[in-house]
Protein backbone atom coordinates (compact mmCIF):
# COMPACT_ATOMS: atom_id res chain seq x y z
CA MET A 1 0.06 0.07 0.09
CA ARG A 2 1.03 3.30 -1.02
CA PRO A 3 1.72 5.48 2.16
CA ASP A 4 -0.69 8.22 1.23
CA GLU A 5 -3.66 5.87 0.38
CA SER A 6 -6.47 4.53 2.33
CA PHE A 7 -7.28 0.92 2.04
CA ASP A 8 -10.30 1.89 -0.14
CA GLN A 9 -8.13 3.96 -2.48
CA ARG A 10 -5.67 0.64 -2.54
CA ASN A 11 -8.39 -1.58 -3.18
CA ILE A 12 -10.10 0.23 -5.98
CA ARG A 13 -6.29 0.80 -7.58
CA LEU A 14 -5.91 -2.90 -7.33
CA TYR A 15 -9.21 -4.53 -7.63
CA ASP A 16 -11.53 -1.99 -9.04
CA SER A 17 -13.58 -2.16 -5.98
CA PRO A 18 -13.27 -0.35 -2.56
CA HIS A 19 -14.52 -4.00 -0.89
CA PRO A 20 -13.03 -6.64 -2.88
CA VAL A 21 -14.49 -9.98 -2.31
CA ALA A 22 -11.85 -12.83 -0.79
CA VAL A 23 -12.58 -16.57 -0.55
CA VAL A 24 -10.64 -18.15 2.24
CA THR A 25 -10.73 -21.99 2.42
CA GLY A 26 -10.44 -23.62 5.79
CA SER A 27 -11.14 -20.39 7.85
CA SER A 28 -13.95 -21.30 9.92
CA ALA A 29 -11.78 -22.82 12.55
CA PRO A 30 -9.36 -20.61 14.94
CA ARG A 31 -6.14 -21.57 12.87
CA VAL A 32 -4.12 -19.83 9.95
CA GLY A 33 -7.11 -19.41 7.37
CA ARG A 34 -9.23 -17.65 9.82
CA ARG A 35 -6.27 -15.10 10.85
CA ILE A 36 -5.69 -14.46 6.96
CA ALA A 37 -9.51 -13.89 6.85
CA GLU A 38 -9.32 -11.52 9.79
CA TYR A 39 -6.58 -9.48 8.23
CA LEU A 40 -8.57 -9.17 5.14
CA LEU A 41 -11.49 -7.91 6.77
CA ALA A 42 -9.48 -5.30 8.62
CA GLN A 43 -8.02 -4.44 4.99
CA ASP A 44 -11.93 -3.80 3.68
CA PHE A 45 -12.74 -7.09 1.97
CA ARG A 46 -15.73 -8.87 1.73
CA VAL A 47 -14.72 -12.41 3.15
CA ILE A 48 -16.10 -15.94 2.36
CA PHE A 49 -15.38 -18.07 5.40
CA HIS A 50 -15.09 -21.71 4.55
CA ALA A 51 -15.80 -25.16 6.49
CA HIS A 52 -15.37 -28.58 5.48
CA GLN A 53 -18.85 -29.16 7.75
CA ALA A 54 -20.29 -26.22 8.94
CA THR A 55 -21.05 -26.17 12.42
CA ASP A 56 -23.18 -24.19 14.92
CA ALA A 57 -19.87 -22.37 16.25
CA ASP A 58 -18.97 -21.65 12.56
CA ARG A 59 -22.08 -19.98 11.96
CA GLN A 60 -22.30 -17.98 15.39
CA PHE A 61 -18.75 -16.62 14.38
CA VAL A 62 -19.80 -15.50 10.92
CA SER A 63 -22.97 -14.10 12.69
CA THR A 64 -20.56 -12.16 14.97
CA ILE A 65 -18.67 -10.85 11.92
CA LYS A 66 -21.78 -9.52 10.43
CA ALA A 67 -22.81 -7.90 13.23
CA GLN A 68 -19.70 -5.97 13.55
CA GLY A 69 -20.70 -4.54 10.03
CA HIS A 70 -18.90 -6.62 7.72
CA GLU A 71 -20.28 -8.40 4.45
CA THR A 72 -19.45 -11.88 4.76
CA LEU A 73 -20.68 -15.44 3.72
CA LEU A 74 -19.79 -18.88 5.22
CA ILE A 75 -19.72 -21.80 2.50
CA SER A 76 -19.14 -25.19 3.28
CA GLY A 77 -18.22 -28.39 1.65
CA ASP A 78 -15.60 -30.87 0.43
CA ILE A 79 -12.79 -28.90 -1.25
CA GLN A 80 -11.63 -32.05 -3.51
CA ASP A 81 -15.26 -32.20 -4.78
CA GLU A 82 -15.18 -30.18 -8.00
CA GLU A 83 -19.07 -29.57 -8.14
CA GLN A 84 -18.93 -28.40 -4.74
CA VAL A 85 -16.39 -25.80 -5.91
CA MET A 86 -18.35 -24.64 -8.70
CA ALA A 87 -21.20 -24.12 -6.44
CA TRP A 88 -19.46 -22.10 -4.22
CA ILE A 89 -18.63 -19.74 -7.11
CA ALA A 90 -22.07 -19.42 -7.82
CA GLN A 91 -23.08 -18.87 -4.18
CA VAL A 92 -20.16 -16.19 -4.25
CA HIS A 93 -21.52 -14.59 -7.41
CA GLU A 94 -25.11 -14.39 -6.03
CA ALA A 95 -23.98 -12.99 -2.73
CA PHE A 96 -21.48 -10.42 -3.95
CA GLY A 97 -21.39 -10.40 -7.94
CA ARG A 98 -17.52 -10.95 -8.10
CA VAL A 99 -14.50 -12.84 -6.79
CA ASP A 100 -11.37 -11.23 -6.47
CA VAL A 101 -8.88 -13.00 -4.20
CA LEU A 102 -8.63 -16.96 -3.50
CA VAL A 103 -6.44 -18.00 -0.63
CA ASN A 104 -6.23 -21.80 -0.12
CA SER A 105 -6.02 -22.78 3.81
CA ALA A 106 -7.90 -25.92 3.95
CA ALA A 107 -5.64 -28.80 4.79
CA ALA A 108 -5.90 -32.15 6.04
CA TRP A 109 -3.25 -33.55 8.53
CA GLN A 110 -3.11 -36.19 11.19
CA PRO A 111 -0.74 -36.19 14.04
CA GLN A 112 0.80 -39.75 13.88
CA THR A 113 4.00 -41.93 13.54
CA LEU A 114 5.26 -43.16 10.12
CA GLU A 115 4.57 -46.60 11.29
CA GLN A 116 0.83 -45.58 11.50
CA ASN A 117 0.68 -44.05 8.01
CA CYS A 118 -0.64 -46.10 5.09
CA ARG A 119 -1.38 -45.30 1.37
CA LYS A 120 -4.88 -44.48 2.04
CA THR A 121 -3.70 -41.56 4.67
CA TYR A 122 -1.60 -40.33 1.94
CA GLU A 123 -3.76 -40.21 -0.84
CA LYS A 124 -6.43 -38.69 1.51
CA PHE A 125 -3.62 -35.86 2.46
CA PHE A 126 -3.15 -35.70 -1.53
CA GLN A 127 -6.80 -35.18 -2.25
CA VAL A 128 -7.50 -32.31 0.16
CA ASN A 129 -3.90 -30.52 0.26
CA ALA A 130 -3.14 -30.93 -3.44
CA LEU A 131 -6.05 -31.54 -5.83
CA GLY A 132 -8.42 -29.63 -3.76
CA PRO A 133 -6.69 -26.10 -4.16
CA ALA A 134 -5.61 -26.92 -7.62
CA LEU A 135 -9.65 -27.39 -8.18
CA CYS A 136 -10.15 -24.04 -6.25
CA CYS A 137 -7.34 -22.18 -8.34
CA GLN A 138 -8.84 -23.57 -12.00
CA HIS A 139 -12.55 -22.74 -11.25
CA PHE A 140 -12.29 -19.66 -9.01
CA GLY A 141 -9.57 -18.32 -11.47
CA LEU A 142 -11.48 -18.61 -14.58
CA ALA A 143 -14.26 -17.11 -12.81
CA MET A 144 -11.97 -14.35 -11.87
CA THR A 145 -10.76 -13.83 -15.63
CA GLU A 146 -14.47 -13.66 -16.73
CA GLN A 147 -15.57 -10.73 -14.61
CA PRO A 148 -15.33 -7.12 -15.75
């Protein structure tokens, strides 16, 4: 950000919107994704929070953010499900008419010893940690290129 510009001015310069729209996967839980989403909120972004399976706590958290005056949305589903990813794009466009930023923060991990791991575990991690972000980048990226 330039020293003499506000968040709105910077956002207009970079995104052609004073309140750009950011989707942050894996942001409903109080981990890295949520911190990134909160940072974007502080930068005047409209933020879409994502949960694999939305809970009452997730919905309450997003309600609290809305009550603070932020425009936000909670989406949920499996990041490795291509149809689900495309449905999220439709939800975001319906709510905000655009998407400007995608942050891939959803991840699967399980602390265990090497002896406890097996092919099935690695395949699950690959699906969520590599394929899921690739699908999100592909479909959200294409959606971004189609908007004015």
